[in-house]
Every structure is written in structure tokens, then in C-alpha cells.
Amino acid sequence: MIYQSMKRALMGALMFVLSLGIVGAIYAKDDGVPAALKDLSIGGVMYLSYQNGQQLNPSDQLDSYNAFTLKRGYLDVKKGLTSNFMVRYTTDITRSNGSWNTRIKYLYGKYSLPQFLFFTQSGVEFGQVHVPWHDFEESINGFRMQDPMFLERFGVFNSADDGLTFGANFGGELSREYQANVNKHYAGRYGSMQVGVYNGGGYHAAEMNENKVVEARVTVRPIPEIVPGLQLTALDIYGKGNVATPPAGDLPDWTAFDGMVSYQSALLTLTGQYYTGSGNQSGSAIDGNGNALDQTGYSAFGAVHLGNSHQYSFIARYDMFDSNANSSTNDEVSLLIGGVAWQMNHSATWLLDYQRKDHSLNRLSAEDRVQVTLQTKF
């Protein structure tokens, strides 16, 4: 099953590359390099895990599990067609009815734009694109291999959608030294931003209504000359849940605000964020009348990096999420994570982590898990 799924992904990528070759021939130059290979990159990311733990079943009883699993299988193709236009095609794996299948994660064209006023390194993605939050947070946290980030973990929304995203840095970029030793992503000297409009279903689901969702992130580096790794970030989302238009009544609201303070250096990574919102992307966070539930939560993450190029890292994270902030009887969930990572080289990292999920309802038992994950990149 896995072989067939990966075979389909490779064939899809091959057809994509061949089609780019035809388009690239239009822009060919007589310098001895085939046009299809100019500005072409092919890569991938895989998370391969072993998990041993317990989880609640639909009857609220603990079931044990002990299994190897595939958590991510990206195949990523990028191709520059002109000096300011590129395309990206990324597939990922998912499990359906026991079989591993591939699905599209990203499929977009991106125009790079000239500097305008304070906006630098700006561009527009069109297609199945990054939404403003997840890629930014993952570029700071750096341990998506453990499991999804805070807001995706609790079902608020996921990391890609069909639509359009505009992004830019503020005031140029930080020094090459900072980018090489700390973080090269979203390295705007005074911060960065992204804003976009999307179908609202995410990359997991088809759009169920005609509503469009607006999402925006603004990040500021208040003192880049003194503490370049300090950032203040705000995320805002406004739209409706992705459910079919009801015969009577309104679509459930989906609004979200998340504020995050983060700090990065060669030795230390710290983040703290607070979330408040109504409803969620899938439209499932509703009461018996179909009205969106108010939700709150917070998350804190820390990592200490040792050795050359972060060879060893010790991580800790704590999440708390209240899925119905107006009720005193619902289940508030907290998540505690601790782990140690070893970067064998620039392409492979091992992570051993322990995770405990606690519930505010006394009738629900805590869920524990130990996990070993190998992240590989090529």
C-alpha cells in the first residue's frame, strides 16, 4: 500500500517536472543548461515514528497502543520560471481506511514583488498556499516533528488553504550572521507580515459554502539592534466555519485572535502565546443550536540548544485549551511535553519525547505517550 502511494506521488511529481520543462523551454538560454533544470529543486521531508502510549476511546476508556507510524512524507518540487515567478508542488501522506495515500499540501505560483515603501522581500502566493500562522510559528519552534503546533493540535485550523497570501518583511533583513546562527526564516529587520483570503476549508476538506475567510499576521521586532531575536506577533482571523449553508439560520462564526511573544538566540528558544476565539475552521465547535462556542487557551515552549549548529536540544512545552469558555462543566485539556533531540547532521534529527494529556473532568483518565521520531530532509 505504502509503495503504491509513494509511486503515485513520484509519478505526479515527474509529470509536474515534465510540464515545467515544456514551459521552461520558452525561457531557455543558450548556456548549456537545459531550461527544465534551471532554478529547479526537488526535496522532501519525512517523520518516521515509534509510539507507545494510551488514549481515550469513544467510550472514554483508555486503550493502549504500541506502533510504528509515518507522520509526514513530503515530496517537494520548486521551479523558477522567471526572475520573479516560481511554482511549487508539494505532496504529503495521509491514512484512509488503513491505507496510506498521498494528497496535495501546497500547489501555488508565487510572484516576488519589488520593494515598496517599508515592505521588502515581498511576494504573493496564489493557489493552495501557506496561511499566515503555522509556517511562521514552526520556523521558530523547530520541532513540528513532535506533533502539530498549539492551534492546529486543538483543531482551530490547519496550515494550508486554497486562496491568496501576500507576505513581506519590514525594513530589509537581519544580518547574515544572525540568519546563519539563529534563524533565516522571516528574517525581516523590523518584523514581517502576511495577509490573505481563503476558501476556509483548509487542505483537508473541500469548501462547503461560499464564505471566504480573512487571516492576517503582523510581527514586530521592537529592538533589532539590541535583541534581534525578540518578536511580538498578533494573528487575527474572521470568517465562518466550513459547513454547508443551513436551510435556516446562519453559518457558525469562526473568529480567532492569538498573541505571541518569542525570543531566539543560538542557545535558547522561548515562546508564549494566548488565544481567544469563537468556533473553528471545520465548523464543529458549536452548541446544540448551531452557535459557535467561545474558546480560550495558551501555550508556552522552550528549547535549550547545545553543541555546534544545535546538535543537541532539550525541549519543553505546555498547552492549555478550553473548548467552551462559557461553561464550567466542559473538559479543559492540558498537554505537557518534554524531550531531547539529537541532530546527527543537517539532514537527519532524532527526537525522544514524553507527552501527558490531562483532562479537567475527573471521570477522564490522563493519556500518556512516549515517542521516538526520525526527521529526515533531502
Protein backbone atom coordinates (compact mmCIF):
# COMPACT_ATOMS: atom_id res chain seq x y z
CA MET A 1 0.00 0.00 0.00
CA ILE A 2 2.74 2.46 1.00
CA TYR A 3 4.76 1.58 -2.11
CA GLN A 4 1.81 2.22 -4.40
CA SER A 5 1.02 5.52 -2.67
CA MET A 6 4.61 6.79 -2.93
CA LYS A 7 4.74 5.56 -6.54
CA ARG A 8 1.72 7.71 -7.39
CA ALA A 9 3.34 10.69 -5.66
CA LEU A 10 6.59 10.23 -7.61
CA MET A 11 4.72 9.87 -10.89
CA GLY A 12 2.72 13.00 -10.15
CA ALA A 13 5.90 14.92 -9.37
CA LEU A 14 7.55 13.59 -12.54
CA MET A 15 4.64 14.73 -14.70
CA PHE A 16 4.78 18.11 -12.99
CA VAL A 17 8.52 18.44 -13.71
CA LEU A 18 8.00 17.41 -17.35
CA SER A 19 5.28 20.01 -17.79
CA LEU A 20 7.61 22.60 -16.30
CA GLY A 21 10.21 21.54 -18.83
CA ILE A 22 7.85 22.40 -21.67
CA VAL A 23 7.08 25.78 -20.14
CA GLY A 24 10.74 26.29 -19.28
CA ALA A 25 11.72 25.81 -22.92
CA ILE A 26 10.08 29.12 -23.65
CA TYR A 27 12.59 30.79 -21.34
CA ALA A 28 15.63 28.74 -22.44
CA LYS A 29 19.03 30.41 -22.79
CA ASP A 30 21.94 29.05 -24.77
CA ASP A 31 24.30 28.44 -21.84
CA GLY A 32 24.49 24.64 -21.95
CA VAL A 33 21.97 24.02 -19.13
CA PRO A 34 18.57 22.53 -20.07
CA ALA A 35 15.82 25.03 -19.40
CA ALA A 36 13.84 22.46 -17.37
CA LEU A 37 16.72 22.26 -14.85
CA LYS A 38 17.21 25.98 -14.37
CA ASP A 39 16.12 27.07 -10.89
CA LEU A 40 14.69 23.60 -10.20
CA SER A 41 14.84 21.99 -6.77
CA ILE A 42 13.42 18.66 -5.63
CA GLY A 43 13.41 17.74 -1.96
CA GLY A 44 11.48 16.03 0.75
CA VAL A 45 10.78 15.76 4.48
CA MET A 46 9.83 12.62 6.39
CA TYR A 47 8.82 11.97 10.01
CA LEU A 48 9.10 8.29 10.93
CA SER A 49 7.96 7.46 14.48
CA TYR A 50 7.55 4.75 17.06
CA GLN A 51 4.83 5.44 19.66
CA ASN A 52 3.87 3.68 22.88
CA GLY A 53 1.05 5.06 24.98
CA GLN A 54 -2.62 5.29 25.89
CA GLN A 55 -5.56 7.24 24.51
CA LEU A 56 -9.26 7.58 25.31
CA ASN A 57 -11.67 5.68 23.07
CA PRO A 58 -15.24 6.87 22.20
CA SER A 59 -16.44 5.25 25.46
CA ASP A 60 -13.95 7.38 27.46
CA GLN A 61 -11.92 4.31 28.38
CA LEU A 62 -8.15 4.06 27.95
CA ASP A 63 -6.82 1.96 25.07
CA SER A 64 -3.12 1.14 24.80
CA TYR A 65 -1.17 1.36 21.56
CA ASN A 66 2.30 0.27 20.52
CA ALA A 67 3.08 1.02 16.90
CA PHE A 68 5.41 2.37 14.25
CA THR A 69 3.83 5.11 12.17
CA LEU A 70 4.53 7.53 9.31
CA LYS A 71 3.70 11.09 10.35
CA ARG A 72 4.86 13.05 7.32
CA GLY A 73 6.03 12.29 3.79
CA TYR A 74 6.62 15.47 1.79
CA LEU A 75 7.77 15.38 -1.80
CA ASP A 76 8.54 18.96 -2.74
CA VAL A 77 9.20 20.39 -6.22
CA LYS A 78 10.03 24.07 -6.79
CA LYS A 79 10.76 25.68 -10.13
CA GLY A 80 11.65 29.24 -11.02
CA LEU A 81 10.17 30.21 -14.37
CA THR A 82 11.30 33.84 -14.49
CA SER A 83 13.35 36.10 -12.27
CA ASN A 84 10.28 36.95 -10.19
CA PHE A 85 7.90 34.00 -10.63
CA MET A 86 8.14 30.43 -9.29
CA VAL A 87 5.81 27.48 -8.76
CA ARG A 88 5.67 24.87 -6.01
CA TYR A 89 4.08 21.41 -5.91
CA THR A 90 4.18 19.52 -2.57
CA THR A 91 2.52 16.20 -1.78
CA ASP A 92 2.10 14.65 1.68
CA ILE A 93 0.81 11.35 3.04
CA THR A 94 -2.42 10.62 4.86
CA ARG A 95 -4.06 7.43 6.10
CA SER A 96 -7.55 6.48 4.92
CA ASN A 97 -9.30 3.18 5.69
CA GLY A 98 -6.00 1.66 6.75
CA SER A 99 -4.11 2.57 3.57
CA TRP A 100 -1.50 5.27 3.07
CA ASN A 101 -2.43 7.77 0.36
CA THR A 102 -0.96 10.97 -0.98
CA ARG A 103 -2.62 14.37 -1.08
CA ILE A 104 -1.62 17.85 -2.19
CA LYS A 105 -0.30 20.07 0.60
CA TYR A 106 0.90 23.02 -1.46
CA LEU A 107 0.29 23.85 -5.11
CA TYR A 108 0.82 27.50 -5.95
CA GLY A 109 2.50 30.12 -8.03
CA LYS A 110 4.44 32.91 -6.30
CA TYR A 111 5.28 36.35 -7.62
CA SER A 112 8.15 38.20 -5.96
CA LEU A 113 7.47 41.92 -5.80
CA PRO A 114 9.83 44.92 -5.83
CA GLN A 115 10.47 46.89 -2.67
CA PHE A 116 7.64 49.25 -1.82
CA LEU A 117 7.99 51.80 0.97
CA PHE A 118 8.77 49.78 4.12
CA PHE A 119 7.89 46.39 2.55
CA THR A 120 10.85 44.28 1.41
CA GLN A 121 11.29 40.67 0.22
CA SER A 122 7.56 40.69 -0.52
CA GLY A 123 5.55 38.26 -2.61
CA VAL A 124 2.12 36.87 -3.44
CA GLU A 125 1.19 33.16 -3.39
CA PHE A 126 -1.89 32.04 -5.36
CA GLY A 127 -3.35 28.50 -5.26
CA GLN A 128 -3.16 26.09 -2.32
CA VAL A 129 -0.93 28.28 -0.20
CA HIS A 130 0.54 28.92 3.23
CA VAL A 131 -1.85 30.60 5.63
CA PRO A 132 -0.25 33.32 7.78
CA TRP A 133 0.36 31.46 11.04
CA HIS A 134 1.67 27.91 11.02
CA ASP A 135 4.77 28.18 8.87
CA PHE A 136 5.82 31.24 10.87
CA GLU A 137 5.39 29.51 14.26
CA GLU A 138 7.08 26.33 13.04
CA SER A 139 10.07 28.36 11.86
CA ILE A 140 10.56 29.47 15.49
CA ASN A 141 9.60 26.29 17.35
CA GLY A 142 11.55 24.00 15.02
CA PHE A 143 10.07 20.75 16.38
CA ARG A 144 6.98 20.11 14.29
CA MET A 145 8.24 16.53 14.11
CA GLN A 146 6.93 16.03 17.68
CA ASP A 147 3.32 16.79 16.68
CA PRO A 148 1.30 19.78 15.38
CA MET A 149 1.63 23.25 16.85
CA PHE A 150 -0.77 24.56 19.50
CA LEU A 151 -3.71 25.87 17.43
CA GLU A 152 -3.66 23.03 14.92
CA ARG A 153 -3.35 20.46 17.72
CA PHE A 154 -6.68 21.61 19.17
CA GLY A 155 -8.48 21.82 15.85
CA VAL A 156 -8.72 25.59 15.40
CA PHE A 157 -7.34 25.43 11.83
CA ASN A 158 -4.60 23.80 9.74
CA SER A 159 -1.60 25.03 7.82
CA ALA A 160 -2.70 25.48 4.17
CA ASP A 161 -5.77 26.54 2.22
CA ASP A 162 -6.92 27.49 -1.27
CA GLY A 163 -6.64 31.22 -1.75
CA LEU A 164 -4.16 34.07 -1.91
CA THR A 165 -1.45 35.16 0.56
CA PHE A 166 0.60 38.37 0.50
CA GLY A 167 3.70 38.43 2.68
CA ALA A 168 6.57 40.84 3.27
CA ASN A 169 9.41 41.73 5.61
CA PHE A 170 9.73 45.13 7.23
CA GLY A 171 12.82 47.25 6.53
CA GLY A 172 15.20 44.76 4.94
CA GLU A 173 16.74 41.71 6.59
CA LEU A 174 18.76 40.90 9.69
CA SER A 175 22.49 40.20 9.38
CA ARG A 176 23.83 37.12 7.61
CA GLU A 177 25.41 36.07 10.91
CA TYR A 178 22.02 36.04 12.66
CA GLN A 179 20.41 34.14 9.80
CA ALA A 180 23.23 31.55 9.74
CA ASN A 181 23.44 31.01 13.51
CA VAL A 182 19.85 31.59 14.70
CA ASN A 183 17.07 31.69 12.07
CA LYS A 184 16.98 32.55 8.37
CA HIS A 185 13.18 32.41 8.07
CA TYR A 186 11.00 35.54 8.28
CA ALA A 187 14.18 37.50 8.99
CA GLY A 188 12.75 40.99 8.49
CA ARG A 189 14.85 43.56 10.33
CA TYR A 190 11.81 45.14 11.96
CA GLY A 191 9.46 42.19 11.55
CA SER A 192 7.21 40.65 8.92
CA MET A 193 3.57 40.25 7.93
CA GLN A 194 1.19 38.04 5.95
CA VAL A 195 -2.42 38.58 5.00
CA GLY A 196 -4.73 36.56 2.81
CA VAL A 197 -8.22 35.47 1.79
CA TYR A 198 -9.12 31.76 1.60
CA ASN A 199 -11.93 29.30 0.94
CA GLY A 200 -11.86 28.30 4.60
CA GLY A 201 -11.84 24.51 4.31
CA GLY A 202 -8.10 24.04 4.70
CA TYR A 203 -6.21 21.46 2.69
CA HIS A 204 -8.06 18.58 4.42
CA ALA A 205 -11.54 19.39 3.15
CA ALA A 206 -13.48 20.81 0.23
CA GLU A 207 -15.20 24.18 0.61
CA MET A 208 -18.75 23.62 1.86
CA ASN A 209 -20.13 27.14 1.38
CA GLU A 210 -19.40 30.40 -0.43
CA ASN A 211 -17.97 32.21 2.59
CA LYS A 212 -14.38 33.42 2.40
CA VAL A 213 -12.07 33.70 5.40
CA VAL A 214 -9.63 36.58 6.01
CA GLU A 215 -6.47 35.89 8.02
CA ALA A 216 -3.67 38.27 8.94
CA ARG A 217 -0.43 38.10 10.94
CA VAL A 218 1.76 41.06 11.96
CA THR A 219 5.13 40.57 13.66
CA VAL A 220 7.31 43.35 15.08
CA ARG A 221 10.94 43.24 16.23
CA PRO A 222 10.93 46.16 18.68
CA ILE A 223 14.73 46.42 19.26
CA PRO A 224 16.54 44.62 16.42
CA GLU A 225 19.83 46.41 17.12
CA ILE A 226 19.95 45.12 20.71
CA VAL A 227 17.82 41.94 20.84
CA PRO A 228 17.17 40.80 17.24
CA GLY A 229 15.57 37.54 18.38
CA LEU A 230 12.71 39.24 20.25
CA GLN A 231 9.42 39.33 18.32
CA LEU A 232 5.85 40.38 19.15
CA THR A 233 3.22 38.75 16.95
CA ALA A 234 -0.55 39.04 16.53
CA LEU A 235 -2.85 36.83 14.44
CA ASP A 236 -6.44 37.69 13.52
CA ILE A 237 -8.98 35.50 11.66
CA TYR A 238 -12.51 36.39 10.58
CA GLY A 239 -14.89 34.12 8.71
CA LYS A 240 -17.40 31.29 9.03
CA GLY A 241 -16.98 27.59 9.80
CA ASN A 242 -16.67 25.25 6.83
CA VAL A 243 -20.14 23.67 6.91
CA ALA A 244 -22.89 23.57 4.32
CA THR A 245 -25.24 26.53 4.32
CA PRO A 246 -28.14 25.57 6.62
CA PRO A 247 -31.72 25.80 5.28
CA ALA A 248 -32.49 28.26 8.08
CA GLY A 249 -30.15 30.27 10.23
CA ASP A 250 -26.58 31.46 9.83
CA LEU A 251 -23.29 29.70 9.35
CA PRO A 252 -21.34 29.36 12.63
CA ASP A 253 -18.82 32.12 13.27
CA TRP A 254 -15.11 31.47 13.10
CA THR A 255 -13.05 34.24 14.66
CA ALA A 256 -9.66 33.99 16.31
CA PHE A 257 -7.04 36.19 17.92
CA ASP A 258 -3.66 34.89 19.02
CA GLY A 259 -0.85 36.94 20.51
CA MET A 260 2.68 35.56 20.85
CA VAL A 261 5.94 36.76 22.37
CA SER A 262 9.01 34.88 21.11
CA TYR A 263 12.75 35.01 21.60
CA GLN A 264 15.51 33.20 19.71
CA SER A 265 19.27 33.02 20.06
CA ALA A 266 21.90 30.43 19.23
CA LEU A 267 21.44 28.97 22.72
CA LEU A 268 17.77 29.48 23.55
CA THR A 269 14.28 29.49 22.02
CA LEU A 270 11.25 30.71 24.02
CA THR A 271 7.63 31.34 23.00
CA GLY A 272 4.49 32.22 24.90
CA GLN A 273 1.07 32.75 23.34
CA TYR A 274 -2.55 33.38 24.31
CA TYR A 275 -5.56 32.51 22.15
CA THR A 276 -9.19 33.56 22.24
CA GLY A 277 -11.82 32.91 19.60
CA SER A 278 -15.24 31.61 18.58
CA GLY A 279 -15.81 28.45 16.58
CA ASN A 280 -13.20 26.79 14.38
CA GLN A 281 -12.31 26.11 10.77
CA SER A 282 -14.35 22.90 10.42
CA GLY A 283 -17.48 24.43 11.98
CA SER A 284 -17.60 21.68 14.63
CA ALA A 285 -17.12 23.93 17.69
CA ILE A 286 -20.82 24.73 18.12
CA ASP A 287 -23.55 24.33 20.72
CA GLY A 288 -26.86 22.50 20.31
CA ASN A 289 -28.34 25.47 18.45
CA GLY A 290 -25.51 25.70 15.95
CA ASN A 291 -23.89 28.77 17.52
CA ALA A 292 -20.11 28.99 17.71
CA LEU A 293 -18.56 28.23 21.10
CA ASP A 294 -16.18 30.71 22.71
CA GLN A 295 -12.73 29.20 23.24
CA THR A 296 -9.54 30.23 25.03
CA GLY A 297 -6.11 28.75 25.57
CA TYR A 298 -2.42 29.39 25.99
CA SER A 299 0.86 27.71 25.16
CA ALA A 300 4.48 28.04 26.30
CA PHE A 301 7.51 26.48 24.62
CA GLY A 302 11.20 26.44 25.43
CA ALA A 303 14.31 24.83 23.97
CA VAL A 304 17.96 24.88 25.03
CA HIS A 305 20.43 24.21 22.21
CA LEU A 306 23.93 22.82 22.81
CA GLY A 307 26.82 21.89 20.56
CA ASN A 308 27.68 23.14 17.10
CA SER A 309 24.65 24.02 14.93
CA HIS A 310 22.13 22.94 17.60
CA GLN A 311 23.48 19.40 17.72
CA TYR A 312 21.63 18.72 20.97
CA SER A 313 18.36 20.31 22.11
CA PHE A 314 16.25 19.91 25.24
CA ILE A 315 12.62 20.93 24.72
CA ALA A 316 9.59 21.54 26.94
CA ARG A 317 6.07 22.69 26.12
CA TYR A 318 2.81 23.23 27.97
CA ASP A 319 -0.60 23.81 26.33
CA MET A 320 -3.98 24.51 27.87
CA PHE A 321 -7.19 24.67 25.83
CA ASP A 322 -10.75 25.40 26.92
CA SER A 323 -13.15 24.39 24.14
CA ASN A 324 -16.17 26.10 25.76
CA ALA A 325 -15.12 29.10 27.79
CA ASN A 326 -18.70 29.90 28.89
CA SER A 327 -19.26 26.51 30.50
CA SER A 328 -17.95 25.31 33.86
CA THR A 329 -18.73 21.67 33.06
CA ASN A 330 -16.80 21.09 29.82
CA ASP A 331 -13.43 19.38 29.60
CA GLU A 332 -10.41 21.67 29.71
CA VAL A 333 -7.39 19.88 28.25
CA SER A 334 -3.77 20.44 29.20
CA LEU A 335 -0.75 18.99 27.43
CA LEU A 336 2.75 18.62 28.86
CA ILE A 337 5.64 17.71 26.55
CA GLY A 338 9.32 17.16 27.28
CA GLY A 339 12.05 15.76 25.08
CA VAL A 340 15.63 15.63 23.89
CA ALA A 341 16.78 15.91 20.25
CA TRP A 342 20.00 14.87 18.56
CA GLN A 343 20.86 16.31 15.17
CA MET A 344 23.05 13.69 13.51
CA ASN A 345 23.73 16.01 10.58
CA HIS A 346 21.93 18.72 8.62
CA SER A 347 19.63 16.12 7.06
CA ALA A 348 18.64 13.89 10.00
CA THR A 349 17.43 14.53 13.55
CA TRP A 350 16.24 12.13 16.26
CA LEU A 351 13.73 13.23 18.92
CA LEU A 352 12.76 11.28 22.05
CA ASP A 353 9.77 12.85 23.80
CA TYR A 354 7.24 12.17 26.54
CA GLN A 355 3.73 13.62 26.39
CA ARG A 356 0.98 13.71 29.02
CA LYS A 357 -2.57 14.86 28.28
CA ASP A 358 -4.71 15.74 31.31
CA HIS A 359 -8.46 16.46 31.49
CA SER A 360 -10.32 18.74 33.89
CA LEU A 361 -13.19 16.23 34.10
CA ASN A 362 -12.32 13.80 36.87
CA ARG A 363 -14.02 10.89 35.08
CA LEU A 364 -11.47 11.10 32.25
CA SER A 365 -8.07 9.48 32.77
CA ALA A 366 -4.80 11.08 31.75
CA GLU A 367 -3.26 9.94 28.47
CA ASP A 368 0.49 9.24 28.37
CA ARG A 369 2.77 8.62 25.41
CA VAL A 370 6.45 8.00 24.69
CA GLN A 371 7.62 8.63 21.14
CA VAL A 372 10.81 8.34 19.11
CA THR A 373 10.86 10.21 15.80
CA LEU A 374 13.39 10.41 12.98
CA GLN A 375 13.15 13.54 10.84
CA THR A 376 14.99 13.39 7.52
CA LYS A 377 15.36 16.07 4.87
CA PHE A 378 16.79 15.90 1.39
